[in-house]
């Protein structure tokens, strides 16, 4: 599959990221799709929920599993604005997703292509297709603006 067919889902993920930013959380959004239908959409809620595991990807995985009534998300694609971290990439593998599409690379914490290759590691029992760089500039820009504003307010 080519990246362009995931454009509408990345637009939805970017809307989710904007919702996170509006709530004061790191602007990352994730969408899970199966058969052309959106099963789940979520954004970071770490600050909102005071939960270090409330990453957009984790919340979307939980919602999609509830929607399907199964922990296996076989046949599903996750579209997310930022390259997933170790926790999220591991959960994507464990959920048995078919594909991951992400926007901006994360050179400090990315576990898909930047620092690690969890989604393609042949030592694991499941691997998935990865499409990177979809709307990467836009995905990176929303994060840059957020962190610039945080620094201007004296926050880390």
C-alpha atoms as a PDB file:
ATOM      1  CA  UNK A   1       0.000   0.000   0.000  1.00  0.00           C
ATOM      2  CA  UNK A   2       1.158   3.526  -0.600  1.00  0.00           C
ATOM      3  CA  UNK A   3       1.267   6.281   1.970  1.00  0.00           C
ATOM      4  CA  UNK A   4      -1.205   8.535   0.141  1.00  0.00           C
ATOM      5  CA  UNK A   5      -4.151   6.243   0.901  1.00  0.00           C
ATOM      6  CA  UNK A   6      -3.599   7.004   4.594  1.00  0.00           C
ATOM      7  CA  UNK A   7      -3.786  10.800   4.171  1.00  0.00           C
ATOM      8  CA  UNK A   8      -7.365  11.119   5.526  1.00  0.00           C
ATOM      9  CA  UNK A   9      -6.448   9.105   8.593  1.00  0.00           C
ATOM     10  CA  UNK A  10      -3.346  11.194   9.204  1.00  0.00           C
ATOM     11  CA  UNK A  11      -5.551  14.288   8.989  1.00  0.00           C
ATOM     12  CA  UNK A  12      -7.693  12.779  11.759  1.00  0.00           C
ATOM     13  CA  UNK A  13      -4.573  11.921  13.783  1.00  0.00           C
ATOM     14  CA  UNK A  14      -3.415  15.537  13.431  1.00  0.00           C
ATOM     15  CA  UNK A  15      -6.831  16.713  14.686  1.00  0.00           C
ATOM     16  CA  UNK A  16      -6.370  14.442  17.686  1.00  0.00           C
ATOM     17  CA  UNK A  17      -2.897  15.903  18.247  1.00  0.00           C
ATOM     18  CA  UNK A  18      -4.374  19.414  18.210  1.00  0.00           C
ATOM     19  CA  UNK A  19      -6.886  18.330  20.877  1.00  0.00           C
ATOM     20  CA  UNK A  20      -4.018  17.131  23.067  1.00  0.00           C
ATOM     21  CA  UNK A  21      -2.204  20.449  22.631  1.00  0.00           C
ATOM     22  CA  UNK A  22      -5.361  22.395  23.496  1.00  0.00           C
ATOM     23  CA  UNK A  23      -5.582  20.378  26.718  1.00  0.00           C
ATOM     24  CA  UNK A  24      -1.918  21.109  27.519  1.00  0.00           C
ATOM     25  CA  UNK A  25      -0.621  17.669  26.627  1.00  0.00           C
ATOM     26  CA  UNK A  26       2.069  16.710  24.119  1.00  0.00           C
ATOM     27  CA  UNK A  27       0.339  16.853  20.708  1.00  0.00           C
ATOM     28  CA  UNK A  28       0.382  13.293  19.434  1.00  0.00           C
ATOM     29  CA  UNK A  29      -2.620  11.674  17.793  1.00  0.00           C
ATOM     30  CA  UNK A  30      -3.291   8.109  16.705  1.00  0.00           C
ATOM     31  CA  UNK A  31      -5.961   6.414  14.617  1.00  0.00           C
ATOM     32  CA  UNK A  32      -6.588   2.702  14.071  1.00  0.00           C
ATOM     33  CA  UNK A  33      -8.220   1.663  10.817  1.00  0.00           C
ATOM     34  CA  UNK A  34      -9.586  -1.648   9.562  1.00  0.00           C
ATOM     35  CA  UNK A  35     -11.160  -2.194   6.172  1.00  0.00           C
ATOM     36  CA  UNK A  36     -11.390   1.539   5.524  1.00  0.00           C
ATOM     37  CA  UNK A  37     -13.259   2.201   8.778  1.00  0.00           C
ATOM     38  CA  UNK A  38     -11.899   4.044  11.782  1.00  0.00           C
ATOM     39  CA  UNK A  39     -12.036   1.786  14.841  1.00  0.00           C
ATOM     40  CA  UNK A  40     -10.422   4.216  17.272  1.00  0.00           C
ATOM     41  CA  UNK A  41      -8.916   7.670  17.494  1.00  0.00           C
ATOM     42  CA  UNK A  42      -7.030   9.016  20.498  1.00  0.00           C
ATOM     43  CA  UNK A  43      -4.550  11.620  21.632  1.00  0.00           C
ATOM     44  CA  UNK A  44      -1.991  11.849  24.414  1.00  0.00           C
ATOM     45  CA  UNK A  45      -3.590  12.117  27.840  1.00  0.00           C
ATOM     46  CA  UNK A  46      -0.549  11.667  30.093  1.00  0.00           C
ATOM     47  CA  UNK A  47      -0.977  15.012  31.798  1.00  0.00           C
ATOM     48  CA  UNK A  48      -4.777  15.018  31.678  1.00  0.00           C
ATOM     49  CA  UNK A  49      -5.021  11.542  33.251  1.00  0.00           C
ATOM     50  CA  UNK A  50      -1.809  11.695  35.341  1.00  0.00           C
ATOM     51  CA  UNK A  51      -0.893   8.396  33.680  1.00  0.00           C
ATOM     52  CA  UNK A  52       2.538   7.793  32.149  1.00  0.00           C
ATOM     53  CA  UNK A  53       1.071   5.080  29.882  1.00  0.00           C
ATOM     54  CA  UNK A  54      -1.674   7.298  28.429  1.00  0.00           C
ATOM     55  CA  UNK A  55       0.073   7.696  25.079  1.00  0.00           C
ATOM     56  CA  UNK A  56      -2.162   8.186  22.037  1.00  0.00           C
ATOM     57  CA  UNK A  57      -1.135   4.797  20.635  1.00  0.00           C
ATOM     58  CA  UNK A  58      -1.920   2.902  23.847  1.00  0.00           C
ATOM     59  CA  UNK A  59      -5.322   4.564  24.200  1.00  0.00           C
ATOM     60  CA  UNK A  60      -6.174   3.845  20.558  1.00  0.00           C
ATOM     61  CA  UNK A  61      -5.114   0.198  20.922  1.00  0.00           C
ATOM     62  CA  UNK A  62      -7.306  -0.242  24.008  1.00  0.00           C
ATOM     63  CA  UNK A  63     -10.290   1.388  22.274  1.00  0.00           C
ATOM     64  CA  UNK A  64      -9.875  -0.669  19.083  1.00  0.00           C
ATOM     65  CA  UNK A  65      -9.594  -3.905  21.085  1.00  0.00           C
ATOM     66  CA  UNK A  66     -12.814  -3.030  22.937  1.00  0.00           C
ATOM     67  CA  UNK A  67     -14.502  -2.195  19.626  1.00  0.00           C
ATOM     68  CA  UNK A  68     -13.481  -5.542  18.108  1.00  0.00           C
ATOM     69  CA  UNK A  69     -13.894  -7.538  21.305  1.00  0.00           C
ATOM     70  CA  UNK A  70     -10.470  -9.070  20.763  1.00  0.00           C
ATOM     71  CA  UNK A  71      -6.913  -8.229  21.789  1.00  0.00           C
ATOM     72  CA  UNK A  72      -5.688  -9.243  18.335  1.00  0.00           C
ATOM     73  CA  UNK A  73      -5.848  -6.303  15.962  1.00  0.00           C
ATOM     74  CA  UNK A  74      -4.977  -8.384  12.922  1.00  0.00           C
ATOM     75  CA  UNK A  75      -5.949  -6.590   9.722  1.00  0.00           C
ATOM     76  CA  UNK A  76      -5.590  -3.186  11.394  1.00  0.00           C
ATOM     77  CA  UNK A  77      -3.366  -0.237  10.587  1.00  0.00           C
ATOM     78  CA  UNK A  78      -2.273   2.392  13.083  1.00  0.00           C
ATOM     79  CA  UNK A  79      -1.689   5.917  11.777  1.00  0.00           C
ATOM     80  CA  UNK A  80       0.150   8.134  14.265  1.00  0.00           C
ATOM     81  CA  UNK A  81       1.733  11.556  14.088  1.00  0.00           C
ATOM     82  CA  UNK A  82       5.037  10.617  15.769  1.00  0.00           C
ATOM     83  CA  UNK A  83       7.205   7.504  15.595  1.00  0.00           C
ATOM     84  CA  UNK A  84       6.170   5.310  18.533  1.00  0.00           C
ATOM     85  CA  UNK A  85       8.331   4.832  21.623  1.00  0.00           C
ATOM     86  CA  UNK A  86       9.416   1.430  22.980  1.00  0.00           C
ATOM     87  CA  UNK A  87       6.210   0.944  24.989  1.00  0.00           C
ATOM     88  CA  UNK A  88       3.924   1.792  22.097  1.00  0.00           C
ATOM     89  CA  UNK A  89       5.905  -0.052  19.422  1.00  0.00           C
ATOM     90  CA  UNK A  90       5.913  -3.114  21.671  1.00  0.00           C
ATOM     91  CA  UNK A  91       2.150  -2.865  22.156  1.00  0.00           C
ATOM     92  CA  UNK A  92       1.619  -2.520  18.397  1.00  0.00           C
ATOM     93  CA  UNK A  93       3.619  -5.722  17.838  1.00  0.00           C
ATOM     94  CA  UNK A  94       1.805  -7.537  20.650  1.00  0.00           C
ATOM     95  CA  UNK A  95      -1.571  -6.477  19.213  1.00  0.00           C
ATOM     96  CA  UNK A  96      -0.601  -8.195  15.929  1.00  0.00           C
ATOM     97  CA  UNK A  97      -1.349  -5.173  13.746  1.00  0.00           C
ATOM     98  CA  UNK A  98      -0.602  -5.464  10.038  1.00  0.00           C
ATOM     99  CA  UNK A  99       0.775  -1.993   9.438  1.00  0.00           C
ATOM    100  CA  UNK A 100       2.039   1.177  11.080  1.00  0.00           C
ATOM    101  CA  UNK A 101       2.051   4.553   9.343  1.00  0.00           C
ATOM    102  CA  UNK A 102       3.729   7.423  11.141  1.00  0.00           C
ATOM    103  CA  UNK A 103       4.533  11.031  10.377  1.00  0.00           C
ATOM    104  CA  UNK A 104       7.558  12.510  12.137  1.00  0.00           C
ATOM    105  CA  UNK A 105      10.581  10.486  13.191  1.00  0.00           C
ATOM    106  CA  UNK A 106      11.592  10.645  16.858  1.00  0.00           C
ATOM    107  CA  UNK A 107      15.399  10.572  17.074  1.00  0.00           C
ATOM    108  CA  UNK A 108      15.311  10.713  20.909  1.00  0.00           C
ATOM    109  CA  UNK A 109      12.780   7.957  21.663  1.00  0.00           C
ATOM    110  CA  UNK A 110      11.620   6.345  18.405  1.00  0.00           C
ATOM    111  CA  UNK A 111      11.523   2.559  18.579  1.00  0.00           C
ATOM    112  CA  UNK A 112      10.442   1.804  15.005  1.00  0.00           C
ATOM    113  CA  UNK A 113      13.304   3.144  12.876  1.00  0.00           C
ATOM    114  CA  UNK A 114      15.234   5.797  14.823  1.00  0.00           C
ATOM    115  CA  UNK A 115      16.686   4.025  17.872  1.00  0.00           C
ATOM    116  CA  UNK A 116      15.247   0.531  17.569  1.00  0.00           C
ATOM    117  CA  UNK A 117      13.411  -1.621  15.040  1.00  0.00           C
ATOM    118  CA  UNK A 118      10.816  -3.309  17.248  1.00  0.00           C
ATOM    119  CA  UNK A 119       8.224  -3.612  14.491  1.00  0.00           C
ATOM    120  CA  UNK A 120      10.622  -5.482  12.220  1.00  0.00           C
ATOM    121  CA  UNK A 121      12.793  -7.362  14.706  1.00  0.00           C
ATOM    122  CA  UNK A 122      13.081 -10.941  13.435  1.00  0.00           C
ATOM    123  CA  UNK A 123      13.589 -12.232  16.983  1.00  0.00           C
ATOM    124  CA  UNK A 124       9.966 -11.356  17.805  1.00  0.00           C
ATOM    125  CA  UNK A 125       7.050 -13.549  16.806  1.00  0.00           C
ATOM    126  CA  UNK A 126       5.274 -10.813  14.825  1.00  0.00           C
ATOM    127  CA  UNK A 127       6.455  -8.174  12.391  1.00  0.00           C
ATOM    128  CA  UNK A 128       4.498  -5.568  10.495  1.00  0.00           C
ATOM    129  CA  UNK A 129       4.795  -3.245   7.545  1.00  0.00           C
ATOM    130  CA  UNK A 130       5.998   0.262   8.400  1.00  0.00           C
ATOM    131  CA  UNK A 131       5.380   3.369   6.305  1.00  0.00           C
ATOM    132  CA  UNK A 132       7.198   6.422   7.641  1.00  0.00           C
ATOM    133  CA  UNK A 133       7.223  10.098   6.842  1.00  0.00           C
ATOM    134  CA  UNK A 134       3.571  10.723   5.933  1.00  0.00           C
ATOM    135  CA  UNK A 135       3.051  14.481   6.388  1.00  0.00           C
ATOM    136  CA  UNK A 136       6.219  14.470   8.472  1.00  0.00           C
ATOM    137  CA  UNK A 137       6.790  18.233   8.312  1.00  0.00           C
ATOM    138  CA  UNK A 138       3.274  18.988   9.521  1.00  0.00           C
ATOM    139  CA  UNK A 139       3.505  16.341  12.245  1.00  0.00           C
ATOM    140  CA  UNK A 140       6.856  17.684  13.406  1.00  0.00           C
ATOM    141  CA  UNK A 141       5.708  21.301  13.270  1.00  0.00           C
ATOM    142  CA  UNK A 142       2.821  20.786  15.698  1.00  0.00           C
ATOM    143  CA  UNK A 143       5.285  19.294  18.192  1.00  0.00           C
ATOM    144  CA  UNK A 144       7.832  22.080  17.657  1.00  0.00           C
ATOM    145  CA  UNK A 145       5.205  24.787  18.202  1.00  0.00           C
ATOM    146  CA  UNK A 146       3.993  23.081  21.365  1.00  0.00           C
ATOM    147  CA  UNK A 147       7.457  22.789  22.894  1.00  0.00           C
ATOM    148  CA  UNK A 148       8.407  26.352  21.885  1.00  0.00           C
ATOM    149  CA  UNK A 149       5.294  27.589  23.692  1.00  0.00           C
ATOM    150  CA  UNK A 150       6.129  25.442  26.717  1.00  0.00           C
ATOM    151  CA  UNK A 151       9.655  26.883  26.886  1.00  0.00           C
ATOM    152  CA  UNK A 152       8.286  30.426  26.508  1.00  0.00           C
ATOM    153  CA  UNK A 153       6.078  29.757  29.543  1.00  0.00           C
ATOM    154  CA  UNK A 154       9.057  28.385  31.483  1.00  0.00           C
ATOM    155  CA  UNK A 155       7.889  24.774  31.361  1.00  0.00           C
ATOM    156  CA  UNK A 156       9.979  21.793  30.327  1.00  0.00           C
END
